[in-house]
Amino acid sequence: EKTQGGLYIPDAAKEKPQKGKVEGIGDEVKSVKVGEVVLFDKYSGSKITMEGTEYLILKEEDILGVLTA
């Protein structure tokens, strides 16, 4: 798709961000809190499985935003 400015955007770049609930944070994280829902790119982070539950480990800078109620 071509934008008004003449840029071509591939289909992969049009994907909507993913969202997930913050289950835990490191000591130095300031921008989010446990329990908040955050947005991140589809291919961000590293997936791990602990006790049968899949988690995604993200860097703080990979968080696009925090959803509010």
C-alpha atoms as a PDB file:
ATOM      1  CA  GLU A   1       0.000   0.000   0.000  1.00  0.00           C
ATOM      2  CA  LYS A   2       1.293   3.463  -0.874  1.00  0.00           C
ATOM      3  CA  THR A   3       0.780   6.314   1.607  1.00  0.00           C
ATOM      4  CA  GLN A   4       0.000   9.929   0.711  1.00  0.00           C
ATOM      5  CA  GLY A   5       3.665  10.753   1.296  1.00  0.00           C
ATOM      6  CA  GLY A   6       4.724   8.181  -1.291  1.00  0.00           C
ATOM      7  CA  LEU A   7       5.937   5.490   1.116  1.00  0.00           C
ATOM      8  CA  TYR A   8       5.210   1.843   0.470  1.00  0.00           C
ATOM      9  CA  ILE A   9       4.137  -0.086   3.564  1.00  0.00           C
ATOM     10  CA  PRO A  10       4.520  -3.873   3.437  1.00  0.00           C
ATOM     11  CA  ASP A  11       1.626  -5.981   4.712  1.00  0.00           C
ATOM     12  CA  ALA A  12       3.718  -7.200   7.655  1.00  0.00           C
ATOM     13  CA  ALA A  13       4.134  -3.621   8.885  1.00  0.00           C
ATOM     14  CA  LYS A  14       0.365  -3.098   8.939  1.00  0.00           C
ATOM     15  CA  GLU A  15      -0.210  -5.698  11.638  1.00  0.00           C
ATOM     16  CA  LYS A  16      -1.794  -4.433  14.811  1.00  0.00           C
ATOM     17  CA  PRO A  17       0.256  -4.513  18.007  1.00  0.00           C
ATOM     18  CA  GLN A  18      -0.202  -7.388  20.416  1.00  0.00           C
ATOM     19  CA  LYS A  19      -1.306  -6.911  24.002  1.00  0.00           C
ATOM     20  CA  GLY A  20      -0.615  -8.715  27.229  1.00  0.00           C
ATOM     21  CA  LYS A  21      -0.892  -8.415  30.989  1.00  0.00           C
ATOM     22  CA  VAL A  22       2.255  -7.616  32.966  1.00  0.00           C
ATOM     23  CA  GLU A  23       2.906 -10.506  35.370  1.00  0.00           C
ATOM     24  CA  GLY A  24       6.222  -9.316  36.773  1.00  0.00           C
ATOM     25  CA  ILE A  25       8.855  -6.603  36.352  1.00  0.00           C
ATOM     26  CA  GLY A  26      12.497  -6.023  37.169  1.00  0.00           C
ATOM     27  CA  ASP A  27      13.711  -3.691  39.907  1.00  0.00           C
ATOM     28  CA  GLU A  28      14.644  -0.877  37.512  1.00  0.00           C
ATOM     29  CA  VAL A  29      11.414  -0.824  35.467  1.00  0.00           C
ATOM     30  CA  LYS A  30       9.556   2.456  35.971  1.00  0.00           C
ATOM     31  CA  SER A  31       7.103   2.758  33.061  1.00  0.00           C
ATOM     32  CA  VAL A  32       4.763  -0.158  33.856  1.00  0.00           C
ATOM     33  CA  LYS A  33       3.328  -1.936  36.870  1.00  0.00           C
ATOM     34  CA  VAL A  34       2.296  -5.529  37.510  1.00  0.00           C
ATOM     35  CA  GLY A  35      -1.292  -6.053  36.379  1.00  0.00           C
ATOM     36  CA  GLU A  36      -1.274  -3.413  33.633  1.00  0.00           C
ATOM     37  CA  VAL A  37      -2.045  -4.344  30.028  1.00  0.00           C
ATOM     38  CA  VAL A  38       0.632  -3.294  27.546  1.00  0.00           C
ATOM     39  CA  LEU A  39       0.981  -3.155  23.764  1.00  0.00           C
ATOM     40  CA  PHE A  40       4.019  -4.549  21.949  1.00  0.00           C
ATOM     41  CA  ASP A  41       5.044  -5.561  18.431  1.00  0.00           C
ATOM     42  CA  LYS A  42       4.192  -9.077  17.308  1.00  0.00           C
ATOM     43  CA  TYR A  43       7.824 -10.152  17.029  1.00  0.00           C
ATOM     44  CA  SER A  44       9.089  -8.531  20.252  1.00  0.00           C
ATOM     45  CA  GLY A  45      10.562 -10.393  23.170  1.00  0.00           C
ATOM     46  CA  SER A  46      11.380 -14.008  23.900  1.00  0.00           C
ATOM     47  CA  LYS A  47       8.815 -16.691  24.711  1.00  0.00           C
ATOM     48  CA  ILE A  48       9.403 -19.026  27.637  1.00  0.00           C
ATOM     49  CA  THR A  49       7.254 -21.708  29.262  1.00  0.00           C
ATOM     50  CA  MET A  50       7.188 -22.163  33.025  1.00  0.00           C
ATOM     51  CA  GLU A  51       5.032 -24.781  34.722  1.00  0.00           C
ATOM     52  CA  GLY A  52       2.918 -25.141  31.577  1.00  0.00           C
ATOM     53  CA  THR A  53       2.241 -21.410  31.170  1.00  0.00           C
ATOM     54  CA  GLU A  54       3.744 -19.456  28.274  1.00  0.00           C
ATOM     55  CA  TYR A  55       5.245 -16.048  29.060  1.00  0.00           C
ATOM     56  CA  LEU A  56       6.818 -13.360  26.902  1.00  0.00           C
ATOM     57  CA  ILE A  57       9.909 -11.595  28.226  1.00  0.00           C
ATOM     58  CA  LEU A  58      10.068  -8.006  26.923  1.00  0.00           C
ATOM     59  CA  LYS A  59      12.551  -5.194  27.258  1.00  0.00           C
ATOM     60  CA  GLU A  60      11.000  -2.037  28.648  1.00  0.00           C
ATOM     61  CA  GLU A  61      11.791  -0.179  25.410  1.00  0.00           C
ATOM     62  CA  ASP A  62       9.783  -2.774  23.419  1.00  0.00           C
ATOM     63  CA  ILE A  63       6.559  -1.696  25.137  1.00  0.00           C
ATOM     64  CA  LEU A  64       4.591   0.558  22.793  1.00  0.00           C
ATOM     65  CA  GLY A  65       2.050   1.725  25.340  1.00  0.00           C
ATOM     66  CA  VAL A  66      -0.075   0.953  28.365  1.00  0.00           C
ATOM     67  CA  LEU A  67      -3.826   0.457  27.990  1.00  0.00           C
ATOM     68  CA  THR A  68      -6.086   2.182  30.472  1.00  0.00           C
ATOM     69  CA  ALA A  69      -9.631   1.272  31.414  1.00  0.00           C
END
